[in-house]
């Protein structure tokens, strides 16, 4: 019995997703407050699938051995700008801020202190999921869509997209099952 190539690809994709969820997620935690840092490490480790590298400054974060699936960074990362540190990392970053109205430029998302662990975990899961989907690409019919690269691929042919076209495709992909 032969397996249809599309079905084989779908099975392989689901196997990759299953492996990703079985493997621990490596997190970089940067916060100068040792008490908060220790508390977050303890709570995240209780979740069971996080490996956390916790440091107290941006300098220690830059020296930490990666790669990381995501980073949680305090806005004041040991005396440095946490948002700037987020921009220098090769992973999505969640910025811990002092208020809801903080502007972020480089971090992927933010959460205001004090926060509930459940909200932090939801934002963290969303960051990791979106980053993984962006790296692998989103399947839209016969196309493979890479939002961060503003690129659409079909059978090896690459189509560059404008910012507006990218945003429209993101919106349509996100609401695919609601229309």
C-alpha atoms as a PDB file:
ATOM      1  CA  UNK A   1       0.000   0.000   0.000  1.00  0.00           C
ATOM      2  CA  UNK A   2       1.456   3.367  -0.984  1.00  0.00           C
ATOM      3  CA  UNK A   3       1.105   6.454   1.160  1.00  0.00           C
ATOM      4  CA  UNK A   4      -0.025   9.599  -0.573  1.00  0.00           C
ATOM      5  CA  UNK A   5       2.839  12.165  -0.385  1.00  0.00           C
ATOM      6  CA  UNK A   6       0.558  14.851   1.083  1.00  0.00           C
ATOM      7  CA  UNK A   7      -0.553  12.482   3.834  1.00  0.00           C
ATOM      8  CA  UNK A   8       3.054  11.506   4.571  1.00  0.00           C
ATOM      9  CA  UNK A   9       3.990  15.187   4.846  1.00  0.00           C
ATOM     10  CA  UNK A  10       1.075  15.803   7.208  1.00  0.00           C
ATOM     11  CA  UNK A  11       2.100  12.862   9.408  1.00  0.00           C
ATOM     12  CA  UNK A  12       5.704  14.104   9.511  1.00  0.00           C
ATOM     13  CA  UNK A  13       4.512  17.615  10.449  1.00  0.00           C
ATOM     14  CA  UNK A  14       2.390  16.268  13.313  1.00  0.00           C
ATOM     15  CA  UNK A  15       5.338  14.183  14.516  1.00  0.00           C
ATOM     16  CA  UNK A  16       7.524  17.317  14.583  1.00  0.00           C
ATOM     17  CA  UNK A  17       4.871  19.192  16.578  1.00  0.00           C
ATOM     18  CA  UNK A  18       4.570  16.305  19.040  1.00  0.00           C
ATOM     19  CA  UNK A  19       8.356  16.228  19.509  1.00  0.00           C
ATOM     20  CA  UNK A  20       8.430  19.992  20.119  1.00  0.00           C
ATOM     21  CA  UNK A  21       5.888  19.632  22.917  1.00  0.00           C
ATOM     22  CA  UNK A  22       7.776  16.714  24.476  1.00  0.00           C
ATOM     23  CA  UNK A  23      11.095  18.531  24.479  1.00  0.00           C
ATOM     24  CA  UNK A  24      11.730  21.092  27.209  1.00  0.00           C
ATOM     25  CA  UNK A  25      11.446  24.735  26.235  1.00  0.00           C
ATOM     26  CA  UNK A  26      14.621  26.727  26.951  1.00  0.00           C
ATOM     27  CA  UNK A  27      13.878  30.119  28.483  1.00  0.00           C
ATOM     28  CA  UNK A  28      16.171  33.012  29.283  1.00  0.00           C
ATOM     29  CA  UNK A  29      14.992  34.973  32.325  1.00  0.00           C
ATOM     30  CA  UNK A  30      16.615  38.360  32.918  1.00  0.00           C
ATOM     31  CA  UNK A  31      15.651  40.259  36.080  1.00  0.00           C
ATOM     32  CA  UNK A  32      17.815  42.142  38.574  1.00  0.00           C
ATOM     33  CA  UNK A  33      15.345  41.347  41.404  1.00  0.00           C
ATOM     34  CA  UNK A  34      16.749  38.084  42.767  1.00  0.00           C
ATOM     35  CA  UNK A  35      13.575  37.315  44.751  1.00  0.00           C
ATOM     36  CA  UNK A  36      11.277  37.702  41.722  1.00  0.00           C
ATOM     37  CA  UNK A  37      13.746  35.778  39.561  1.00  0.00           C
ATOM     38  CA  UNK A  38      13.860  32.854  42.015  1.00  0.00           C
ATOM     39  CA  UNK A  39      10.068  32.847  42.350  1.00  0.00           C
ATOM     40  CA  UNK A  40       9.543  32.798  38.583  1.00  0.00           C
ATOM     41  CA  UNK A  41      12.094  30.015  38.124  1.00  0.00           C
ATOM     42  CA  UNK A  42      10.369  27.916  40.786  1.00  0.00           C
ATOM     43  CA  UNK A  43       6.887  28.471  39.300  1.00  0.00           C
ATOM     44  CA  UNK A  44       7.974  27.866  35.706  1.00  0.00           C
ATOM     45  CA  UNK A  45       9.869  24.693  36.653  1.00  0.00           C
ATOM     46  CA  UNK A  46       6.689  23.397  38.318  1.00  0.00           C
ATOM     47  CA  UNK A  47       5.053  23.521  34.890  1.00  0.00           C
ATOM     48  CA  UNK A  48       7.421  20.690  34.001  1.00  0.00           C
ATOM     49  CA  UNK A  49       8.579  21.519  30.468  1.00  0.00           C
ATOM     50  CA  UNK A  50      10.759  24.596  30.889  1.00  0.00           C
ATOM     51  CA  UNK A  51      14.539  24.748  31.254  1.00  0.00           C
ATOM     52  CA  UNK A  52      15.338  28.183  32.625  1.00  0.00           C
ATOM     53  CA  UNK A  53      18.604  30.080  32.483  1.00  0.00           C
ATOM     54  CA  UNK A  54      18.103  32.895  35.009  1.00  0.00           C
ATOM     55  CA  UNK A  55      20.470  35.869  35.125  1.00  0.00           C
ATOM     56  CA  UNK A  56      20.453  39.261  36.804  1.00  0.00           C
ATOM     57  CA  UNK A  57      21.815  41.562  34.107  1.00  0.00           C
ATOM     58  CA  UNK A  58      21.900  42.207  30.380  1.00  0.00           C
ATOM     59  CA  UNK A  59      25.630  41.452  30.333  1.00  0.00           C
ATOM     60  CA  UNK A  60      25.023  38.009  31.850  1.00  0.00           C
ATOM     61  CA  UNK A  61      22.184  37.451  29.357  1.00  0.00           C
ATOM     62  CA  UNK A  62      24.465  38.171  26.410  1.00  0.00           C
ATOM     63  CA  UNK A  63      27.020  35.712  27.821  1.00  0.00           C
ATOM     64  CA  UNK A  64      24.431  32.958  28.436  1.00  0.00           C
ATOM     65  CA  UNK A  65      24.690  29.911  26.220  1.00  0.00           C
ATOM     66  CA  UNK A  66      21.733  29.764  23.804  1.00  0.00           C
ATOM     67  CA  UNK A  67      19.752  29.027  21.796  1.00  0.00           C
ATOM     68  CA  UNK A  68      16.536  29.908  23.604  1.00  0.00           C
ATOM     69  CA  UNK A  69      12.911  29.381  22.628  1.00  0.00           C
ATOM     70  CA  UNK A  70      11.957  32.671  24.306  1.00  0.00           C
ATOM     71  CA  UNK A  71      13.153  35.242  26.832  1.00  0.00           C
ATOM     72  CA  UNK A  72      11.440  36.963  29.746  1.00  0.00           C
ATOM     73  CA  UNK A  73      13.192  40.276  30.349  1.00  0.00           C
ATOM     74  CA  UNK A  74      12.619  42.938  32.983  1.00  0.00           C
ATOM     75  CA  UNK A  75      12.284  46.434  31.549  1.00  0.00           C
ATOM     76  CA  UNK A  76      15.234  47.460  33.711  1.00  0.00           C
ATOM     77  CA  UNK A  77      17.516  44.514  32.926  1.00  0.00           C
ATOM     78  CA  UNK A  78      20.147  45.082  35.580  1.00  0.00           C
ATOM     79  CA  UNK A  79      20.520  48.784  34.809  1.00  0.00           C
ATOM     80  CA  UNK A  80      20.169  48.456  31.032  1.00  0.00           C
ATOM     81  CA  UNK A  81      17.160  48.868  28.761  1.00  0.00           C
ATOM     82  CA  UNK A  82      15.362  45.515  28.602  1.00  0.00           C
ATOM     83  CA  UNK A  83      13.706  46.375  25.284  1.00  0.00           C
ATOM     84  CA  UNK A  84      17.101  47.018  23.688  1.00  0.00           C
ATOM     85  CA  UNK A  85      18.343  43.688  25.067  1.00  0.00           C
ATOM     86  CA  UNK A  86      15.271  41.980  23.556  1.00  0.00           C
ATOM     87  CA  UNK A  87      16.210  43.388  20.150  1.00  0.00           C
ATOM     88  CA  UNK A  88      19.697  41.908  20.379  1.00  0.00           C
ATOM     89  CA  UNK A  89      18.511  38.337  21.050  1.00  0.00           C
ATOM     90  CA  UNK A  90      17.691  35.644  18.475  1.00  0.00           C
ATOM     91  CA  UNK A  91      14.416  34.659  20.134  1.00  0.00           C
ATOM     92  CA  UNK A  92      11.056  36.255  20.902  1.00  0.00           C
ATOM     93  CA  UNK A  93      10.993  38.220  24.144  1.00  0.00           C
ATOM     94  CA  UNK A  94       8.338  39.061  26.728  1.00  0.00           C
ATOM     95  CA  UNK A  95       9.121  42.356  28.480  1.00  0.00           C
ATOM     96  CA  UNK A  96       8.136  42.737  32.157  1.00  0.00           C
ATOM     97  CA  UNK A  97       7.099  46.384  32.553  1.00  0.00           C
ATOM     98  CA  UNK A  98       6.018  48.677  35.361  1.00  0.00           C
ATOM     99  CA  UNK A  99       2.809  49.773  33.622  1.00  0.00           C
ATOM    100  CA  UNK A 100       0.425  48.855  30.804  1.00  0.00           C
ATOM    101  CA  UNK A 101       1.209  51.935  28.716  1.00  0.00           C
ATOM    102  CA  UNK A 102       4.902  51.217  28.170  1.00  0.00           C
ATOM    103  CA  UNK A 103       5.989  51.477  24.533  1.00  0.00           C
ATOM    104  CA  UNK A 104       8.004  48.538  23.294  1.00  0.00           C
ATOM    105  CA  UNK A 105       9.987  48.556  20.099  1.00  0.00           C
ATOM    106  CA  UNK A 106      12.052  45.377  20.074  1.00  0.00           C
ATOM    107  CA  UNK A 107      10.292  42.997  22.449  1.00  0.00           C
ATOM    108  CA  UNK A 108       7.634  40.734  20.967  1.00  0.00           C
ATOM    109  CA  UNK A 109       5.122  41.424  23.759  1.00  0.00           C
ATOM    110  CA  UNK A 110       4.910  42.886  27.250  1.00  0.00           C
ATOM    111  CA  UNK A 111       3.158  42.275  30.539  1.00  0.00           C
ATOM    112  CA  UNK A 112       2.757  44.761  33.392  1.00  0.00           C
ATOM    113  CA  UNK A 113       3.868  43.939  36.926  1.00  0.00           C
ATOM    114  CA  UNK A 114       2.245  42.648  39.057  1.00  0.00           C
ATOM    115  CA  UNK A 115       0.952  39.848  36.837  1.00  0.00           C
ATOM    116  CA  UNK A 116      -0.736  36.481  37.219  1.00  0.00           C
ATOM    117  CA  UNK A 117       1.360  33.460  36.351  1.00  0.00           C
ATOM    118  CA  UNK A 118      -1.465  32.136  34.161  1.00  0.00           C
ATOM    119  CA  UNK A 119      -1.375  35.321  32.033  1.00  0.00           C
ATOM    120  CA  UNK A 120       2.426  35.150  31.765  1.00  0.00           C
ATOM    121  CA  UNK A 121       2.205  31.496  30.663  1.00  0.00           C
ATOM    122  CA  UNK A 122      -0.465  32.303  28.046  1.00  0.00           C
ATOM    123  CA  UNK A 123       1.634  35.108  26.583  1.00  0.00           C
ATOM    124  CA  UNK A 124       4.750  32.932  26.664  1.00  0.00           C
ATOM    125  CA  UNK A 125       3.018  30.029  24.877  1.00  0.00           C
ATOM    126  CA  UNK A 126       1.635  32.426  22.239  1.00  0.00           C
ATOM    127  CA  UNK A 127       5.110  33.906  21.667  1.00  0.00           C
ATOM    128  CA  UNK A 128       6.726  30.501  21.256  1.00  0.00           C
ATOM    129  CA  UNK A 129       3.943  29.217  19.006  1.00  0.00           C
ATOM    130  CA  UNK A 130       3.974  32.299  16.745  1.00  0.00           C
ATOM    131  CA  UNK A 131       7.763  32.282  16.521  1.00  0.00           C
ATOM    132  CA  UNK A 132       7.834  28.583  15.594  1.00  0.00           C
ATOM    133  CA  UNK A 133       5.070  29.064  13.011  1.00  0.00           C
ATOM    134  CA  UNK A 134       6.909  32.050  11.558  1.00  0.00           C
ATOM    135  CA  UNK A 135      10.163  30.080  11.216  1.00  0.00           C
ATOM    136  CA  UNK A 136       8.461  27.100   9.568  1.00  0.00           C
ATOM    137  CA  UNK A 137       6.015  29.158   7.557  1.00  0.00           C
ATOM    138  CA  UNK A 138       2.241  29.103   7.439  1.00  0.00           C
ATOM    139  CA  UNK A 139       0.496  26.946   4.847  1.00  0.00           C
ATOM    140  CA  UNK A 140      -2.088  28.896   2.820  1.00  0.00           C
ATOM    141  CA  UNK A 141      -3.437  26.688   0.049  1.00  0.00           C
ATOM    142  CA  UNK A 142      -0.538  25.864  -2.286  1.00  0.00           C
ATOM    143  CA  UNK A 143       1.628  28.615  -0.745  1.00  0.00           C
ATOM    144  CA  UNK A 144       4.026  28.742   2.199  1.00  0.00           C
ATOM    145  CA  UNK A 145       3.794  32.135   3.911  1.00  0.00           C
ATOM    146  CA  UNK A 146       6.705  33.583   5.963  1.00  0.00           C
ATOM    147  CA  UNK A 147       5.293  36.701   7.700  1.00  0.00           C
ATOM    148  CA  UNK A 148       8.547  38.048   9.184  1.00  0.00           C
ATOM    149  CA  UNK A 149      10.322  37.780   5.819  1.00  0.00           C
ATOM    150  CA  UNK A 150       7.260  39.150   3.956  1.00  0.00           C
ATOM    151  CA  UNK A 151       7.584  36.205   1.599  1.00  0.00           C
ATOM    152  CA  UNK A 152       5.227  33.792  -0.131  1.00  0.00           C
ATOM    153  CA  UNK A 153       6.599  30.596  -1.695  1.00  0.00           C
ATOM    154  CA  UNK A 154       5.104  28.194  -4.217  1.00  0.00           C
ATOM    155  CA  UNK A 155       7.076  25.329  -5.757  1.00  0.00           C
ATOM    156  CA  UNK A 156      10.413  27.089  -5.156  1.00  0.00           C
ATOM    157  CA  UNK A 157       9.163  30.396  -6.587  1.00  0.00           C
ATOM    158  CA  UNK A 158       9.421  33.269  -4.090  1.00  0.00           C
ATOM    159  CA  UNK A 159       7.084  36.252  -4.088  1.00  0.00           C
ATOM    160  CA  UNK A 160       8.051  39.352  -2.082  1.00  0.00           C
ATOM    161  CA  UNK A 161       5.128  41.004  -0.276  1.00  0.00           C
ATOM    162  CA  UNK A 162       4.478  44.555   0.863  1.00  0.00           C
ATOM    163  CA  UNK A 163       3.720  45.324   4.515  1.00  0.00           C
ATOM    164  CA  UNK A 164       0.026  45.727   3.673  1.00  0.00           C
ATOM    165  CA  UNK A 165      -0.131  42.397   1.773  1.00  0.00           C
ATOM    166  CA  UNK A 166       1.624  40.673   4.682  1.00  0.00           C
ATOM    167  CA  UNK A 167      -0.842  42.103   7.208  1.00  0.00           C
ATOM    168  CA  UNK A 168      -3.824  41.076   5.059  1.00  0.00           C
ATOM    169  CA  UNK A 169      -2.516  37.493   4.770  1.00  0.00           C
ATOM    170  CA  UNK A 170      -1.843  37.346   8.532  1.00  0.00           C
ATOM    171  CA  UNK A 171      -5.391  38.494   9.213  1.00  0.00           C
ATOM    172  CA  UNK A 172      -6.918  36.055   6.739  1.00  0.00           C
ATOM    173  CA  UNK A 173      -4.859  33.152   8.090  1.00  0.00           C
ATOM    174  CA  UNK A 174      -5.809  33.990  11.691  1.00  0.00           C
ATOM    175  CA  UNK A 175      -9.522  34.090  10.829  1.00  0.00           C
ATOM    176  CA  UNK A 176      -9.544  31.123   8.427  1.00  0.00           C
ATOM    177  CA  UNK A 177     -12.090  29.100  10.406  1.00  0.00           C
ATOM    178  CA  UNK A 178     -14.391  32.019  11.233  1.00  0.00           C
ATOM    179  CA  UNK A 179     -15.388  33.125   7.759  1.00  0.00           C
END
